[in-house]
Amino acid sequence: MEACIMDGTKRCGAVSGLTTVVNPISLARLVMEKTPHIYLAFDGAEAFAREQGVETVDSSHFITPENVERLQQAKEANRVQIDYTQPLHKDEKKETPEADGDSKLGTVGCVAVDSLGNLASATSTGGLVNKMVGRIGDTPIIGAGTYANSLCAVSATGKGEAIIRGTVARDVAAVMEFKCVSLKEAAAYVVEEGTPKGNVGLVAVSATGEVTMPFNTTGMFRACATEDGYSEIGIWPSVQN
């Protein structure tokens, strides 16, 4: 598992290669608050978790029949896939491993802004099913799957390799800043023009409270809420992405 957290002052923390930590995002926050570093991974991250007393369990806790079945499906289809991807039929097997962009679930991300305009972004994931040992995705990489500055906070999901290549989360903030456009315009440009179709979705909020949740995949589970009582929940495309 891996996770990342960042606030509008650019403080940030990230972790990768976790197998026993119950809440990876909590450990990422401790990296941000308790160490001089930004990113800890694998044995070092696990040792830091024990040192800080965060909740851990035996790694077998995360092995479920459903996940074993997904892994077996991925191996049989010779593909790398996002969690919860629908299984392929036998005649649809691919010759080379490829991440399926039509997954509707996987990464969990959150962005927030308070009444003073303080921003934060957090992202957590288990990564891809049937990934190579040691593979690190976009989630813990600052500027790829997670980013926040004084203008906006962004959390992305989708094909990690495409998101890393596109520096998706940072690009949203950069387009917003350097093209002097709204958050919604910036995010739409990055998702539709900057990343190949079927690769990415994101949630983002600006310092003024503007919210946008665009994606170029089949669907993306998403929701937002404001303190005045407004809320929005969606899965499929809508005019209010």
Protein backbone atom coordinates (compact mmCIF):
# COMPACT_ATOMS: atom_id res chain seq x y z
CA MET A 1 0.00 0.00 0.00
CA GLU A 2 1.06 3.60 -0.52
CA ALA A 3 -0.21 7.04 0.43
CA CYS A 4 0.57 10.74 0.30
CA ILE A 5 -0.60 13.91 2.01
CA MET A 6 0.17 17.57 1.20
CA ASP A 7 -1.13 20.94 2.37
CA GLY A 8 -1.29 24.38 0.77
CA THR A 9 2.01 25.43 2.32
CA LYS A 10 3.66 22.54 0.42
CA ARG A 11 4.34 20.49 3.53
CA CYS A 12 4.04 16.87 2.47
CA GLY A 13 4.66 13.26 3.42
CA ALA A 14 4.50 9.99 1.49
CA VAL A 15 4.92 6.24 2.06
CA SER A 16 5.18 3.16 -0.15
CA GLY A 17 5.63 -0.58 0.17
CA LEU A 18 3.50 -0.98 3.29
CA THR A 19 2.14 -4.43 4.15
CA THR A 20 1.05 -4.12 7.79
CA VAL A 21 -0.08 -0.52 8.38
CA VAL A 22 -3.85 -0.23 8.75
CA ASN A 23 -4.07 3.42 7.68
CA PRO A 24 -1.19 4.37 5.37
CA ILE A 25 -2.35 7.99 5.10
CA SER A 26 -1.85 8.43 8.85
CA LEU A 27 1.74 7.27 8.48
CA ALA A 28 2.27 9.67 5.56
CA ARG A 29 1.12 12.50 7.80
CA LEU A 30 3.60 11.44 10.47
CA VAL A 31 6.38 11.49 7.88
CA MET A 32 5.34 15.07 7.12
CA GLU A 33 5.08 16.16 10.74
CA LYS A 34 7.74 14.11 12.54
CA THR A 35 10.66 13.72 10.13
CA PRO A 36 12.92 15.98 8.04
CA HIS A 37 12.03 13.85 5.00
CA ILE A 38 9.16 13.62 2.54
CA TYR A 39 9.12 9.98 1.45
CA LEU A 40 9.74 6.69 3.28
CA ALA A 41 9.30 3.28 1.68
CA PHE A 42 9.29 -0.48 2.32
CA ASP A 43 11.28 -1.65 5.37
CA GLY A 44 12.14 1.89 6.43
CA ALA A 45 8.49 2.96 6.33
CA GLU A 46 7.42 -0.14 8.27
CA ALA A 47 10.10 0.50 10.92
CA PHE A 48 8.97 4.12 11.23
CA ALA A 49 5.38 2.94 11.68
CA ARG A 50 6.38 0.70 14.58
CA GLU A 51 8.47 3.49 16.09
CA GLN A 52 5.51 5.86 15.97
CA GLY A 53 3.06 3.32 17.37
CA VAL A 54 0.57 3.45 14.50
CA GLU A 55 -1.91 0.60 14.21
CA THR A 56 -0.53 -2.42 12.40
CA VAL A 57 -1.79 -5.94 11.70
CA ASP A 58 -0.35 -9.08 10.20
CA SER A 59 -0.16 -8.76 6.43
CA SER A 60 -2.56 -11.71 6.10
CA HIS A 61 -5.30 -9.30 7.28
CA PHE A 62 -5.33 -7.74 3.82
CA ILE A 63 -5.60 -11.04 1.94
CA THR A 64 -9.24 -11.74 1.13
CA PRO A 65 -10.89 -14.32 -1.14
CA GLU A 66 -12.06 -11.49 -3.40
CA ASN A 67 -8.55 -10.12 -3.81
CA VAL A 68 -7.10 -13.58 -4.42
CA GLU A 69 -9.73 -14.09 -7.13
CA ARG A 70 -8.87 -10.74 -8.76
CA LEU A 71 -5.19 -11.65 -8.77
CA GLN A 72 -5.93 -15.03 -10.34
CA GLN A 73 -8.09 -13.34 -13.02
CA ALA A 74 -5.30 -10.89 -13.79
CA LYS A 75 -2.71 -13.66 -14.07
CA GLU A 76 -4.95 -15.75 -16.31
CA ALA A 77 -5.57 -12.75 -18.57
CA ASN A 78 -1.83 -11.86 -18.49
CA ARG A 79 -2.56 -8.27 -17.55
CA VAL A 80 -1.95 -5.70 -14.90
CA GLN A 81 -5.23 -4.19 -13.77
CA ILE A 82 -6.70 -1.58 -11.49
CA ASP A 83 -8.53 -3.04 -8.51
CA TYR A 84 -12.10 -4.12 -9.22
CA THR A 85 -11.61 -4.28 -13.01
CA GLN A 86 -14.19 -6.55 -14.61
CA PRO A 87 -12.75 -9.96 -15.61
CA LEU A 88 -12.02 -10.59 -19.27
CA HIS A 89 -13.68 -13.44 -21.14
CA LYS A 90 -11.34 -16.12 -22.40
CA ASP A 91 -11.40 -14.85 -25.98
CA GLU A 92 -10.45 -11.37 -24.78
CA LYS A 93 -7.09 -12.26 -23.24
CA LYS A 94 -4.34 -9.83 -24.10
CA GLU A 95 -0.87 -10.85 -25.19
CA THR A 96 0.91 -8.22 -23.10
CA PRO A 97 0.14 -6.94 -19.60
CA GLU A 98 -1.79 -3.69 -19.68
CA ALA A 99 -3.60 -1.72 -16.99
CA ASP A 100 -7.34 -1.53 -17.60
CA GLY A 101 -8.57 2.06 -17.65
CA ASP A 102 -12.24 1.23 -17.24
CA SER A 103 -12.04 0.44 -13.55
CA LYS A 104 -14.47 2.40 -11.39
CA LEU A 105 -12.76 1.82 -8.03
CA GLY A 106 -9.29 1.63 -6.58
CA THR A 107 -7.53 4.71 -5.27
CA VAL A 108 -9.15 6.76 -2.50
CA GLY A 109 -8.48 10.49 -2.59
CA CYS A 110 -9.69 13.54 -0.71
CA VAL A 111 -9.20 17.30 -1.02
CA ALA A 112 -10.35 19.97 1.42
CA VAL A 113 -10.38 23.71 2.00
CA ASP A 114 -11.36 25.55 5.19
CA SER A 115 -12.98 28.94 5.71
CA LEU A 116 -9.57 30.64 5.67
CA GLY A 117 -8.59 29.12 2.33
CA ASN A 118 -6.16 26.57 3.76
CA LEU A 119 -5.90 23.61 1.41
CA ALA A 120 -4.98 19.93 1.74
CA SER A 121 -4.89 16.83 -0.44
CA ALA A 122 -4.54 13.18 0.54
CA THR A 123 -4.44 10.01 -1.55
CA SER A 124 -4.15 6.32 -0.61
CA THR A 125 -4.09 3.15 -2.71
CA GLY A 126 -3.23 -0.51 -2.90
CA GLY A 127 -1.93 -0.03 -6.43
CA LEU A 128 -2.46 -2.36 -9.35
CA VAL A 129 -3.44 -6.02 -9.27
CA ASN A 130 -0.65 -8.29 -10.56
CA LYS A 131 1.90 -5.46 -10.50
CA MET A 132 5.61 -6.24 -10.40
CA VAL A 133 7.20 -6.48 -6.97
CA GLY A 134 8.57 -3.07 -6.04
CA ARG A 135 6.35 -1.11 -8.42
CA ILE A 136 5.42 2.37 -7.14
CA GLY A 137 2.50 4.25 -8.64
CA ASP A 138 1.46 7.86 -8.90
CA THR A 139 -0.28 8.15 -5.52
CA PRO A 140 2.77 8.87 -3.32
CA ILE A 141 4.59 10.96 -5.92
CA ILE A 142 4.25 14.68 -5.27
CA GLY A 143 2.87 16.41 -8.35
CA ALA A 144 1.63 13.21 -9.97
CA GLY A 145 -1.19 11.69 -7.92
CA THR A 146 -1.18 14.27 -5.12
CA TYR A 147 -0.49 18.01 -4.96
CA ALA A 148 -1.50 21.14 -3.08
CA ASN A 149 -0.37 24.75 -3.02
CA SER A 150 -1.93 28.10 -2.15
CA LEU A 151 -4.23 27.94 -5.20
CA CYS A 152 -5.70 24.45 -5.15
CA ALA A 153 -5.50 20.86 -3.89
CA VAL A 154 -5.65 17.90 -6.28
CA SER A 155 -5.91 14.12 -5.88
CA ALA A 156 -5.80 11.88 -8.95
CA THR A 157 -6.69 8.27 -9.76
CA GLY A 158 -6.30 5.99 -12.76
CA LYS A 159 -3.31 4.49 -14.58
CA GLY A 160 -0.36 5.45 -12.43
CA GLU A 161 2.22 5.38 -15.19
CA ALA A 162 0.19 7.80 -17.33
CA ILE A 163 -0.43 10.07 -14.36
CA ILE A 164 3.28 10.16 -13.52
CA ARG A 165 4.22 10.95 -17.13
CA GLY A 166 1.67 13.75 -17.20
CA THR A 167 2.48 15.15 -13.73
CA VAL A 168 -1.29 15.46 -13.56
CA ALA A 169 -1.88 16.97 -10.12
CA ARG A 170 0.85 19.59 -10.47
CA ASP A 171 -0.23 20.42 -14.01
CA VAL A 172 -3.70 21.39 -12.79
CA ALA A 173 -2.16 23.91 -10.39
CA ALA A 174 0.31 25.13 -13.04
CA VAL A 175 -2.32 25.67 -15.73
CA MET A 176 -4.51 27.47 -13.20
CA GLU A 177 -1.62 29.74 -12.20
CA PHE A 178 0.16 30.43 -15.46
CA LYS A 179 -2.87 30.61 -17.76
CA CYS A 180 -4.88 32.54 -15.16
CA VAL A 181 -7.93 30.32 -15.58
CA SER A 182 -10.40 28.81 -13.14
CA LEU A 183 -9.78 25.50 -11.40
CA LYS A 184 -12.49 23.85 -13.47
CA GLU A 185 -10.94 25.04 -16.74
CA ALA A 186 -7.45 23.98 -15.66
CA ALA A 187 -8.55 20.51 -14.54
CA ALA A 188 -10.60 19.95 -17.69
CA TYR A 189 -7.61 20.87 -19.85
CA VAL A 190 -5.26 18.48 -18.03
CA VAL A 191 -7.75 15.59 -18.08
CA GLU A 192 -8.98 16.02 -21.65
CA GLU A 193 -5.93 17.43 -23.43
CA GLY A 194 -2.97 16.41 -21.29
CA THR A 195 -3.71 12.75 -20.58
CA PRO A 196 -4.77 10.00 -23.04
CA LYS A 197 -8.41 8.96 -22.78
CA GLY A 198 -9.18 6.18 -20.32
CA ASN A 199 -6.31 7.02 -18.00
CA VAL A 200 -7.24 9.52 -15.32
CA GLY A 201 -9.79 11.13 -13.05
CA LEU A 202 -9.30 13.62 -10.25
CA VAL A 203 -10.94 15.61 -7.49
CA ALA A 204 -9.82 19.18 -6.84
CA VAL A 205 -10.78 22.21 -4.80
CA SER A 206 -9.52 25.80 -4.94
CA ALA A 207 -8.75 28.23 -2.13
CA THR A 208 -12.03 30.00 -2.91
CA GLY A 209 -14.06 26.77 -2.64
CA GLU A 210 -14.46 25.93 -6.32
CA VAL A 211 -14.83 22.16 -6.74
CA THR A 212 -14.29 20.05 -9.85
CA MET A 213 -14.19 16.28 -10.41
CA PRO A 214 -13.38 15.53 -14.09
CA PHE A 215 -12.36 12.16 -15.55
CA ASN A 216 -11.74 10.63 -18.97
CA THR A 217 -12.54 7.05 -17.93
CA THR A 218 -15.92 5.31 -18.20
CA GLY A 219 -16.82 6.38 -14.65
CA MET A 220 -15.41 7.54 -11.34
CA PHE A 221 -16.95 7.27 -7.88
CA ARG A 222 -16.90 10.81 -6.49
CA ALA A 223 -18.60 13.11 -4.01
CA CYS A 224 -18.31 16.58 -2.53
CA ALA A 225 -19.93 18.49 0.31
CA THR A 226 -19.89 22.07 1.60
CA GLU A 227 -20.62 23.40 5.05
CA ASP A 228 -23.76 25.17 3.78
CA GLY A 229 -25.35 21.78 3.13
CA TYR A 230 -24.71 21.30 -0.59
CA SER A 231 -23.59 17.82 -1.64
CA GLU A 232 -23.04 15.97 -4.89
CA ILE A 233 -22.49 12.25 -5.50
CA GLY A 234 -21.77 10.64 -8.86
CA ILE A 235 -20.38 7.65 -10.72
CA TRP A 236 -21.01 8.25 -14.42
CA PRO A 237 -20.35 11.37 -16.55
CA SER A 238 -22.55 14.38 -15.92
CA VAL A 239 -22.59 18.05 -16.88
CA GLN A 240 -21.35 18.86 -13.35
CA ASN A 241 -18.11 16.84 -13.34
